[in-house]
Protein backbone atom coordinates (compact mmCIF):
# COMPACT_ATOMS: atom_id res chain seq x y z
CA MET A 1 117.88 59.37 82.68
CA THR A 2 114.47 61.05 82.94
CA GLN A 3 112.71 61.34 79.67
CA LEU A 4 110.73 64.50 78.71
CA GLN A 5 107.05 63.72 79.11
CA PRO A 6 104.39 64.91 76.64
CA VAL A 7 101.36 66.88 77.67
CA ILE A 8 97.82 65.64 76.80
CA PHE A 9 94.20 66.82 76.82
CA PHE A 10 91.63 64.11 76.88
CA GLY A 11 88.02 64.58 75.72
CA HIS A 12 86.43 62.38 78.34
CA GLY A 13 82.73 62.33 77.50
CA SER A 14 80.32 60.15 79.48
CA PRO A 15 81.37 58.36 82.69
CA MET A 16 80.03 55.16 81.10
CA ASN A 17 83.28 55.11 79.04
CA ALA A 18 84.99 53.85 82.12
CA ILE A 19 83.21 50.46 81.86
CA GLU A 20 82.97 50.25 78.14
CA GLN A 21 85.34 49.42 75.35
CA ASN A 22 84.55 51.65 72.42
CA GLN A 23 86.22 53.92 69.83
CA TRP A 24 87.01 56.54 72.39
CA THR A 25 88.69 54.21 74.94
CA VAL A 26 90.73 52.68 72.13
CA GLY A 27 91.80 56.17 71.02
CA TRP A 28 92.94 56.99 74.59
CA GLN A 29 94.95 53.81 74.79
CA GLN A 30 96.64 54.40 71.41
CA LEU A 31 97.53 57.96 72.36
CA VAL A 32 99.56 56.85 75.38
CA ALA A 33 100.77 53.48 74.15
CA ASP A 34 104.45 54.53 74.20
CA LEU A 35 104.04 55.88 77.77
CA VAL A 36 102.81 52.64 79.28
CA SER A 37 106.31 51.13 78.80
CA ALA A 38 109.20 52.85 77.13
CA ARG A 39 108.43 56.40 78.34
CA ARG A 40 106.57 55.52 81.51
CA PRO A 41 105.99 58.72 83.60
CA LYS A 42 107.17 58.93 87.19
CA ALA A 43 103.88 60.61 88.16
CA ILE A 44 100.80 62.09 86.63
CA LEU A 45 99.28 65.58 87.31
CA MET A 46 95.68 65.76 86.22
CA ILE A 47 93.61 68.84 85.69
CA SER A 48 89.99 67.68 85.48
CA ALA A 49 86.85 69.61 84.61
CA HIS A 50 85.10 68.13 87.61
CA TRP A 51 87.17 69.86 90.33
CA TYR A 52 86.05 73.39 89.72
CA GLY A 53 85.55 75.90 92.57
CA PRO A 54 87.09 78.88 94.33
CA GLY A 55 90.77 78.61 95.26
CA LEU A 56 93.63 76.44 93.97
CA LYS A 57 94.19 73.02 95.54
CA ILE A 58 96.15 69.94 94.99
CA THR A 59 95.62 66.47 96.26
CA ALA A 60 98.11 65.63 98.94
CA GLN A 61 97.00 62.33 100.37
CA GLN A 62 98.89 59.06 100.19
CA ALA A 63 95.87 57.14 98.96
CA PRO A 64 93.22 59.36 97.46
CA LYS A 65 89.69 57.97 97.14
CA THR A 66 87.85 57.26 93.84
CA ILE A 67 84.98 59.77 93.64
CA HIS A 68 81.68 58.70 91.96
CA ASP A 69 80.56 62.23 91.23
CA PHE A 70 77.41 61.46 89.20
CA GLY A 71 73.97 59.79 89.44
CA GLY A 72 71.63 57.56 87.51
CA PHE A 73 74.22 55.14 86.16
CA PRO A 74 74.42 51.40 86.62
CA PRO A 75 75.86 49.72 89.72
CA ALA A 76 78.91 48.55 87.80
CA LEU A 77 80.02 52.15 87.29
CA PHE A 78 79.66 52.98 90.99
CA ALA A 79 81.69 49.85 91.81
CA LYS A 80 84.56 50.99 89.61
CA GLN A 81 87.71 52.02 91.54
CA TYR A 82 90.99 53.52 90.47
CA PRO A 83 93.35 52.89 93.33
CA ALA A 84 96.41 54.77 92.18
CA PRO A 85 98.64 56.06 94.92
CA GLY A 86 99.01 59.77 95.65
CA ASP A 87 102.36 61.51 96.08
CA PRO A 88 102.39 63.96 99.04
CA ASP A 89 105.99 64.80 98.45
CA LEU A 90 105.44 65.79 94.87
CA ALA A 91 102.44 67.90 95.92
CA ALA A 92 104.54 69.70 98.49
CA ALA A 93 107.25 70.29 95.88
CA ILE A 94 104.82 71.78 93.41
CA ILE A 95 103.34 74.02 96.15
CA GLU A 96 106.91 75.20 96.90
CA GLN A 97 107.83 75.74 93.30
CA LEU A 98 104.78 77.89 92.53
CA LYS A 99 105.20 80.21 95.45
CA PRO A 100 103.95 82.95 96.09
CA LEU A 101 100.86 81.46 94.27
CA PRO A 102 98.67 80.15 97.10
CA ILE A 103 97.92 76.41 96.70
CA SER A 104 96.21 74.41 99.41
CA ALA A 105 97.32 70.84 100.11
CA ASP A 106 93.98 69.15 99.92
CA GLN A 107 93.15 66.06 102.11
CA GLN A 108 89.46 65.72 101.12
CA TRP A 109 89.29 65.42 97.33
CA GLY A 110 90.30 62.29 95.40
CA PHE A 111 90.12 61.17 91.81
CA ASP A 112 86.90 62.37 90.13
CA HIS A 113 85.42 60.74 87.02
CA GLY A 114 87.08 63.28 84.67
CA SER A 115 90.26 61.68 85.83
CA TRP A 116 89.72 58.03 86.51
CA SER A 117 87.17 57.27 83.63
CA VAL A 118 90.02 57.99 81.23
CA LEU A 119 93.00 56.67 83.27
CA CYS A 120 91.36 53.30 83.84
CA HIS A 121 91.92 52.70 80.15
CA ALA A 122 94.98 54.81 79.44
CA PHE A 123 96.91 53.53 82.49
CA ALA A 124 94.96 50.58 83.57
CA GLY A 125 97.42 49.35 86.12
CA ALA A 126 96.67 52.32 88.42
CA ASP A 127 100.24 52.04 89.59
CA ILE A 128 101.58 55.50 88.70
CA PRO A 129 101.32 58.14 91.41
CA LEU A 130 98.50 60.56 90.54
CA LEU A 131 97.81 63.99 91.70
CA GLN A 132 94.88 66.27 90.85
CA LEU A 133 95.01 70.06 90.61
CA SER A 134 91.81 72.02 90.95
CA LEU A 135 90.38 74.69 88.61
CA ASP A 136 90.17 78.07 90.40
CA SER A 137 86.72 79.30 89.33
CA ARG A 138 87.63 82.92 90.27
CA GLN A 139 90.22 83.17 87.60
CA ALA A 140 90.10 84.30 83.94
CA PRO A 141 91.16 81.98 81.07
CA ALA A 142 94.51 83.75 80.66
CA TRP A 143 95.31 82.95 84.30
CA HIS A 144 94.76 79.22 83.67
CA PHE A 145 96.98 79.28 80.61
CA ALA A 146 99.71 81.03 82.49
CA LEU A 147 99.48 78.39 85.30
CA GLY A 148 100.01 75.76 82.58
CA GLN A 149 103.14 77.57 81.56
CA GLN A 150 104.39 77.55 85.12
CA LEU A 151 103.78 73.80 85.45
CA ALA A 152 105.68 72.90 82.22
CA TYR A 153 108.88 72.34 84.19
CA LEU A 154 107.35 69.13 85.50
CA ARG A 155 107.61 67.49 82.11
CA GLN A 156 111.40 67.50 82.47
CA GLN A 157 111.06 65.71 85.82
CA GLY A 158 109.17 62.79 84.29
CA VAL A 159 105.65 64.08 85.29
CA LEU A 160 102.91 63.67 82.72
CA ILE A 161 100.60 66.67 82.72
CA LEU A 162 97.02 65.80 81.69
CA GLY A 163 93.89 67.85 81.22
CA SER A 164 90.47 66.22 80.95
CA GLY A 165 87.29 67.90 79.70
CA ASN A 166 85.56 68.49 76.37
CA ILE A 167 86.09 71.36 73.92
CA VAL A 168 82.40 71.38 73.08
CA HIS A 169 80.32 70.46 76.12
CA ASN A 170 76.64 71.34 76.20
CA LEU A 171 74.62 68.72 77.88
CA ALA A 172 71.38 70.76 77.53
CA LYS A 173 71.71 70.30 73.74
CA ILE A 174 72.53 66.59 73.64
CA ASP A 175 71.07 64.76 70.70
CA TRP A 176 70.49 61.25 71.86
CA HIS A 177 69.83 60.11 68.25
CA ASP A 178 73.48 61.15 67.46
CA GLY A 179 72.59 63.02 64.34
CA PRO A 180 74.80 65.59 62.58
CA PRO A 181 76.22 68.22 65.00
CA PRO A 182 74.55 71.62 65.13
CA THR A 183 76.24 74.30 63.06
CA LEU A 184 77.35 76.25 66.17
CA ALA A 185 78.97 73.17 67.66
CA GLN A 186 80.86 72.43 64.46
CA GLN A 187 81.92 76.04 64.03
CA PHE A 188 83.54 76.14 67.52
CA ALA A 189 85.13 72.67 67.01
CA ASP A 190 86.63 73.90 63.79
CA PHE A 191 87.93 77.15 65.45
CA ALA A 192 89.63 75.19 68.29
CA ARG A 193 91.22 72.73 65.89
CA GLN A 194 92.63 75.57 63.78
CA ALA A 195 93.85 77.44 66.78
CA LEU A 196 95.57 74.28 68.10
CA ARG A 197 97.23 73.57 64.73
CA GLU A 198 98.52 77.13 64.46
CA ARG A 199 99.36 77.32 68.20
CA ASP A 200 97.28 80.47 68.38
CA TRP A 201 97.15 80.53 72.15
CA GLN A 202 95.60 83.93 72.33
CA ALA A 203 92.66 82.72 70.19
CA LEU A 204 92.12 79.78 72.54
CA ILE A 205 92.40 81.99 75.59
CA ASN A 206 89.99 84.53 74.09
CA TYR A 207 87.51 81.82 72.90
CA GLN A 208 84.55 83.96 73.92
CA THR A 209 85.30 86.24 70.88
CA GLN A 210 83.59 83.40 68.92
CA GLY A 211 80.25 84.82 69.98
CA ILE A 212 77.24 82.61 69.87
CA ALA A 213 79.32 79.55 68.84
CA ALA A 214 81.36 79.89 72.02
CA GLN A 215 78.19 80.41 74.06
CA PHE A 216 76.78 77.20 72.59
CA ALA A 217 79.93 75.12 72.90
CA VAL A 218 81.16 76.44 76.30
CA PRO A 219 78.07 77.40 78.30
CA HIS A 220 80.23 76.85 81.40
CA PRO A 221 84.05 77.07 81.38
CA ASP A 222 84.89 73.98 83.45
CA HIS A 223 85.30 71.52 80.54
CA TYR A 224 87.25 73.94 78.40
CA LEU A 225 89.78 75.31 80.83
CA PRO A 226 91.85 72.05 81.15
CA LEU A 227 92.74 72.57 77.48
CA LEU A 228 94.44 75.84 78.30
CA TYR A 229 96.68 74.14 80.88
CA VAL A 230 97.83 71.66 78.23
CA ALA A 231 98.43 74.43 75.73
CA GLY A 232 100.35 76.43 78.23
CA ALA A 233 102.60 73.56 79.15
CA SER A 234 103.35 72.62 75.55
CA SER A 235 106.60 73.59 73.74
CA PRO A 236 106.91 74.98 70.23
CA SER A 237 108.96 71.93 69.28
CA ASP A 238 106.34 69.44 70.38
CA GLU A 239 104.71 67.29 67.68
CA LEU A 240 100.98 67.74 67.70
CA ILE A 241 98.68 64.69 67.54
CA PHE A 242 94.89 64.64 67.36
CA SER A 243 92.91 61.60 68.46
CA ASN A 244 89.17 60.86 68.71
CA ASP A 245 88.62 63.77 66.38
CA ALA A 246 84.90 63.81 66.33
CA LEU A 247 81.74 65.43 67.69
CA THR A 248 79.13 62.96 69.17
CA TYR A 249 75.57 63.33 70.38
CA GLY A 250 75.51 66.69 68.70
CA SER A 251 77.20 68.85 71.36
CA LEU A 252 79.97 66.77 72.77
CA ASP A 253 83.43 67.01 71.26
CA MET A 254 85.59 63.97 72.01
CA LEU A 255 88.79 65.39 70.59
CA SER A 256 92.00 64.48 72.43
CA VAL A 257 95.16 66.41 71.90
CA ARG A 258 98.80 65.43 72.56
CA PHE A 259 101.89 67.69 72.41
CA GLY A 260 105.21 65.81 72.40
């Protein structure tokens, strides 16, 4: 019998987390501990901040590549691989299910670091079929939330839906001394947590109404939008769990959120 899967947003932070053991990686492992064995998903669908561009695409290869989409890091990070299999049949089924929404079966992309830097800790065996779904940069936040709702059926089929980004992500304002977070970062982090607890999806969708706090926390939407997919795919009956509930380096929110 297929067990209903939860839906999870990971605050992924620095790519260096992939080759480190720290409080964030421990938090990711704890958040999925029951899924590694008893509730093991049949497949994973990942929505990563790092596949953002015009159009909607889904990876459809049998063996997608590990993408090292960054620079200036040590060789050990570039050597890291996450050789999870793809699932072309599942990709085709999702494309069919979501018609008439146009989705391209992509043969070029692979697993970017928003995906594998988390999964190499959360599902270290890299033996669960993995798909990535792109973020269509042409669409408004409400569209992304609605697509999350459309994808929710996958949970009943044993597919684990994941989002990966950061609720507050402003690299231009990083504080390498890791002092107290700026007021605007904390304000937006508090707003997002309250909206999640209250399941106030319209507040999350209309995050730009938070004014200068939103402008500081979300200078570009790519790291925020995966949260909307997770919210959209959640159910009112899902238990809500927060993990890694902290801001780091001033303007990076590591909060991870699980529904179910």
